[in-house]
Amino acid sequence: MTHTGSADLVATPPQDSCSAPTWFIDSDDPRIVDFATATIAAAGAQTDREKAVALFDAVRDGWRYDPYSLTDDPATFRASAVLVGGPNWCVPKSVLLTAACRAVGIPAGLGFADVRNHLQSEKLRALMGTDLFVYHGYSTLWVDGEWRKASPAFNREMCERFGTKMLEFDGASDALMHAYDVAGRRHMEYVRDHGQYTDLPFDQMLTAILAAYGPAMTGGVDGVADVVDEAFHG
């Protein structure tokens, strides 16, 4: 089975359409199941809300955020590949969280939005040519009869190092990027909503990324893989 490059866009996805494994969200992979069940056991989580919070925390802090890790290889976006990989960015981390939730019976999907990062590093801005991040990804989790949005992108250590507010997810409200940092500076601005999906719309997302930045962010420019940005690699 290979990826199709398509996914269902739905305003309010039904729970049953966000419960089964897919090629990207391979929640039936034994490694995903083991990760999810071990995380929940370690946290002593009993309810779906407690389980969702434990999994969110584990993905947020278990993989350092690194926007330079983006590739155009669909295999790197599979939840099982993210699980055994290193630092990563918002979309793969959200795919992993979504898969982990599905593995323990919590319906979960993916949401996307274009966001403007007013505190973007100079090196990343020079590479991208803009402070607009297209197709920023987050998870959508069905908890206590409601869909909740949760972005596990920015890990605790990075937030503490740069004075940005860390996202906390309590399972009862959305956890989306903060508009301001701890010093009151403008941080993240949501510009355009792309809706919620039952699976990763890989081709659609990659097309938007290439249109916005050219090949720079997918390793198509000489030396990109060697960029050392102290904001993320320090």
Protein backbone atom coordinates (compact mmCIF):
# COMPACT_ATOMS: atom_id res chain seq x y z
CA MET A 1 0.00 0.00 0.00
CA THR A 2 1.38 3.42 -0.94
CA HIS A 3 0.22 6.92 -0.31
CA THR A 4 -2.39 8.40 -2.64
CA GLY A 5 -1.62 12.04 -2.03
CA SER A 6 -5.25 12.69 -1.17
CA ALA A 7 -7.22 13.04 2.02
CA ASP A 8 -10.78 13.90 2.93
CA LEU A 9 -11.36 17.54 3.87
CA VAL A 10 -14.30 17.82 6.22
CA ALA A 11 -15.62 20.75 8.23
CA THR A 12 -16.44 18.51 11.19
CA PRO A 13 -14.99 15.04 10.61
CA PRO A 14 -17.06 12.15 11.97
CA GLN A 15 -15.27 10.16 14.62
CA ASP A 16 -15.39 6.88 12.71
CA SER A 17 -13.56 8.40 9.73
CA CYS A 18 -10.68 9.37 12.03
CA SER A 19 -10.23 6.06 13.80
CA ALA A 20 -8.69 3.65 11.29
CA PRO A 21 -5.02 3.51 10.28
CA THR A 22 -3.88 4.97 6.96
CA TRP A 23 -0.58 4.84 5.08
CA PHE A 24 0.65 8.01 6.76
CA ILE A 25 -1.19 7.63 10.05
CA ASP A 26 -0.11 4.02 10.56
CA SER A 27 -1.61 3.68 14.00
CA ASP A 28 -1.60 -0.11 13.73
CA ASP A 29 2.20 -0.27 13.54
CA PRO A 30 3.34 -2.19 16.65
CA ARG A 31 5.90 0.51 17.46
CA ILE A 32 3.16 3.18 17.50
CA VAL A 33 0.95 0.98 19.67
CA ASP A 34 3.80 0.30 22.09
CA PHE A 35 4.72 3.99 22.28
CA ALA A 36 1.14 5.04 22.95
CA THR A 37 0.38 2.38 25.54
CA ALA A 38 3.70 2.88 27.37
CA THR A 39 3.20 6.64 27.47
CA ILE A 40 -0.28 6.27 28.90
CA ALA A 41 0.85 3.71 31.47
CA ALA A 42 3.73 5.92 32.62
CA ALA A 43 1.35 8.84 33.07
CA GLY A 44 -1.25 6.74 34.86
CA ALA A 45 -3.84 8.05 32.41
CA GLN A 46 -7.31 6.52 32.63
CA THR A 47 -9.77 8.70 30.74
CA ASP A 48 -9.54 9.72 27.08
CA ARG A 49 -8.77 13.26 28.19
CA GLU A 50 -5.89 12.12 30.37
CA LYS A 51 -4.60 9.87 27.60
CA ALA A 52 -4.73 12.65 25.01
CA VAL A 53 -2.86 15.03 27.33
CA ALA A 54 -0.17 12.44 28.08
CA LEU A 55 0.36 11.69 24.39
CA PHE A 56 0.46 15.40 23.52
CA ASP A 57 3.13 16.06 26.15
CA ALA A 58 5.18 13.08 25.01
CA VAL A 59 5.21 14.14 21.35
CA ARG A 60 5.74 17.83 22.10
CA ASP A 61 8.85 17.24 24.20
CA GLY A 62 10.07 13.92 22.81
CA TRP A 63 11.06 15.38 19.44
CA ARG A 64 12.87 18.71 19.24
CA TYR A 65 11.33 21.16 16.78
CA ASP A 66 13.48 21.65 13.67
CA PRO A 67 11.99 23.38 10.58
CA TYR A 68 15.07 22.41 8.54
CA SER A 69 14.10 18.73 8.64
CA LEU A 70 11.45 19.07 5.90
CA THR A 71 11.85 16.75 2.91
CA ASP A 72 9.77 15.86 -0.16
CA ASP A 73 9.94 12.13 0.64
CA PRO A 74 6.49 10.92 1.72
CA ALA A 75 7.99 8.03 3.67
CA THR A 76 9.49 10.48 6.19
CA PHE A 77 5.98 11.66 7.08
CA ARG A 78 4.70 8.24 8.19
CA ALA A 79 4.03 8.19 11.92
CA SER A 80 6.22 5.11 12.39
CA ALA A 81 9.13 6.88 10.65
CA VAL A 82 8.69 10.01 12.77
CA LEU A 83 8.65 7.86 15.90
CA VAL A 84 12.11 6.43 15.27
CA GLY A 85 13.55 9.60 13.75
CA GLY A 86 15.20 12.68 15.20
CA PRO A 87 14.15 16.33 15.49
CA ASN A 88 11.21 17.26 13.29
CA TRP A 89 8.71 19.99 12.44
CA CYS A 90 5.02 20.60 13.04
CA VAL A 91 3.43 18.35 10.40
CA PRO A 92 5.29 15.09 11.12
CA LYS A 93 4.94 15.63 14.87
CA SER A 94 1.21 16.12 14.42
CA VAL A 95 0.99 12.97 12.29
CA LEU A 96 2.68 11.07 15.13
CA LEU A 97 0.33 12.48 17.78
CA THR A 98 -2.68 11.68 15.60
CA ALA A 99 -1.50 8.09 15.07
CA ALA A 100 -0.75 7.57 18.76
CA CYS A 101 -4.24 8.73 19.69
CA ARG A 102 -5.87 6.46 17.13
CA ALA A 103 -3.78 3.56 18.44
CA VAL A 104 -5.53 3.83 21.83
CA GLY A 105 -9.02 4.43 20.49
CA ILE A 106 -9.14 8.22 20.44
CA PRO A 107 -10.38 9.47 17.06
CA ALA A 108 -7.94 11.99 15.64
CA GLY A 109 -7.29 13.91 12.43
CA LEU A 110 -5.10 16.69 11.11
CA GLY A 111 -5.66 20.42 10.69
CA PHE A 112 -3.71 22.96 8.67
CA ALA A 113 -3.35 26.73 8.62
CA ASP A 114 -1.00 29.36 7.22
CA VAL A 115 0.68 31.19 10.09
CA ARG A 116 2.97 34.19 10.33
CA ASN A 117 5.85 33.89 12.79
CA HIS A 118 6.82 37.38 13.90
CA LEU A 119 9.79 36.01 15.89
CA GLN A 120 11.25 33.91 13.10
CA SER A 121 15.04 33.48 13.04
CA GLU A 122 16.98 35.56 10.51
CA LYS A 123 18.54 32.49 8.89
CA LEU A 124 15.21 30.79 8.39
CA ARG A 125 13.62 33.95 7.03
CA ALA A 126 16.49 34.35 4.56
CA LEU A 127 16.01 30.78 3.38
CA MET A 128 12.22 31.02 3.09
CA GLY A 129 12.06 34.62 1.85
CA THR A 130 9.09 35.29 4.14
CA ASP A 131 7.82 34.86 7.69
CA LEU A 132 4.69 33.07 6.45
CA PHE A 133 4.58 29.34 7.13
CA VAL A 134 2.13 27.63 4.78
CA TYR A 135 0.37 24.46 5.92
CA HIS A 136 1.37 24.62 9.55
CA GLY A 137 0.02 21.35 10.90
CA TYR A 138 -1.69 20.39 14.14
CA SER A 139 -3.74 17.47 15.44
CA THR A 140 -7.49 17.40 15.91
CA LEU A 141 -8.53 15.11 18.77
CA TRP A 142 -12.01 13.85 19.70
CA VAL A 143 -12.16 14.23 23.47
CA ASP A 144 -15.30 14.15 25.63
CA GLY A 145 -17.61 14.59 22.68
CA GLU A 146 -15.81 17.57 21.14
CA TRP A 147 -13.06 18.14 18.57
CA ARG A 148 -10.00 19.81 20.09
CA LYS A 149 -7.09 21.33 18.17
CA ALA A 150 -3.62 20.70 19.56
CA SER A 151 -0.22 21.68 18.15
CA PRO A 152 2.69 19.63 19.57
CA ALA A 153 5.31 21.44 17.47
CA PHE A 154 7.39 23.52 19.91
CA ASN A 155 9.17 21.50 22.58
CA ARG A 156 9.56 22.73 26.15
CA GLU A 157 13.33 23.26 26.00
CA MET A 158 13.14 25.46 22.93
CA CYS A 159 10.35 27.59 24.40
CA GLU A 160 12.23 28.09 27.67
CA ARG A 161 15.43 28.99 25.82
CA PHE A 162 13.81 31.68 23.68
CA GLY A 163 11.14 33.04 25.99
CA THR A 164 8.15 31.86 23.98
CA LYS A 165 5.06 30.50 25.66
CA MET A 166 4.86 26.72 25.66
CA LEU A 167 1.58 25.24 24.56
CA GLU A 168 -0.22 23.29 27.25
CA PHE A 169 -3.06 20.95 26.30
CA ASP A 170 -5.65 20.11 28.94
CA GLY A 171 -8.01 18.14 26.72
CA ALA A 172 -10.84 20.59 27.40
CA SER A 173 -9.83 23.46 25.10
CA ASP A 174 -7.73 24.06 21.99
CA ALA A 175 -3.95 24.39 22.20
CA LEU A 176 -2.92 26.55 19.26
CA MET A 177 0.10 28.81 18.83
CA HIS A 178 0.30 31.79 21.18
CA ALA A 179 -0.19 35.25 19.70
CA TYR A 180 2.45 36.78 22.03
CA ASP A 181 5.58 35.59 23.81
CA VAL A 182 6.31 35.98 27.52
CA ALA A 183 7.69 39.50 26.95
CA GLY A 184 4.54 40.61 25.13
CA ARG A 185 6.07 40.59 21.65
CA ARG A 186 3.87 39.53 18.75
CA HIS A 187 4.60 35.88 18.00
CA MET A 188 2.25 33.70 15.93
CA GLU A 189 -0.56 35.00 13.74
CA TYR A 190 -3.06 32.66 12.08
CA VAL A 191 -3.63 33.95 8.55
CA ARG A 192 -5.58 31.29 6.67
CA ASP A 193 -7.36 28.11 7.73
CA HIS A 194 -7.12 25.06 5.46
CA GLY A 195 -9.55 22.92 7.44
CA GLN A 196 -9.41 19.47 8.99
CA TYR A 197 -8.46 16.24 7.25
CA THR A 198 -8.87 12.55 7.93
CA ASP A 199 -5.36 11.88 6.60
CA LEU A 200 -2.27 13.81 5.52
CA PRO A 201 -2.95 15.67 2.20
CA PHE A 202 0.69 15.20 1.21
CA ASP A 203 0.62 16.27 -2.44
CA GLN A 204 -1.58 19.27 -1.71
CA MET A 205 0.68 20.36 1.14
CA LEU A 206 3.91 19.86 -0.81
CA THR A 207 2.57 21.80 -3.79
CA ALA A 208 1.78 24.75 -1.51
CA ILE A 209 5.22 24.59 0.12
CA LEU A 210 7.05 24.52 -3.21
CA ALA A 211 4.91 27.38 -4.54
CA ALA A 212 5.71 29.48 -1.47
CA TYR A 213 9.43 28.80 -1.08
CA GLY A 214 10.68 26.97 -4.17
CA PRO A 215 12.86 23.92 -3.46
CA ALA A 216 14.68 25.65 -0.59
CA MET A 217 12.78 24.06 2.28
CA THR A 218 12.83 20.50 0.92
CA GLY A 219 16.58 20.17 0.52
CA GLY A 220 16.61 21.13 -3.14
CA VAL A 221 19.18 23.89 -2.70
CA ASP A 222 22.88 23.16 -2.25
CA GLY A 223 23.97 23.57 1.34
CA VAL A 224 20.50 23.64 2.93
CA ALA A 225 21.19 20.44 4.82
CA ASP A 226 24.32 22.07 6.26
CA VAL A 227 22.57 25.18 7.60
CA VAL A 228 23.30 25.69 11.27
CA ASP A 229 20.70 27.95 12.85
CA GLU A 230 21.41 28.67 16.49
CA ALA A 231 17.70 29.25 17.09
CA PHE A 232 17.06 25.55 16.52
CA HIS A 233 20.45 23.84 16.56
CA GLY A 234 22.09 25.65 19.45
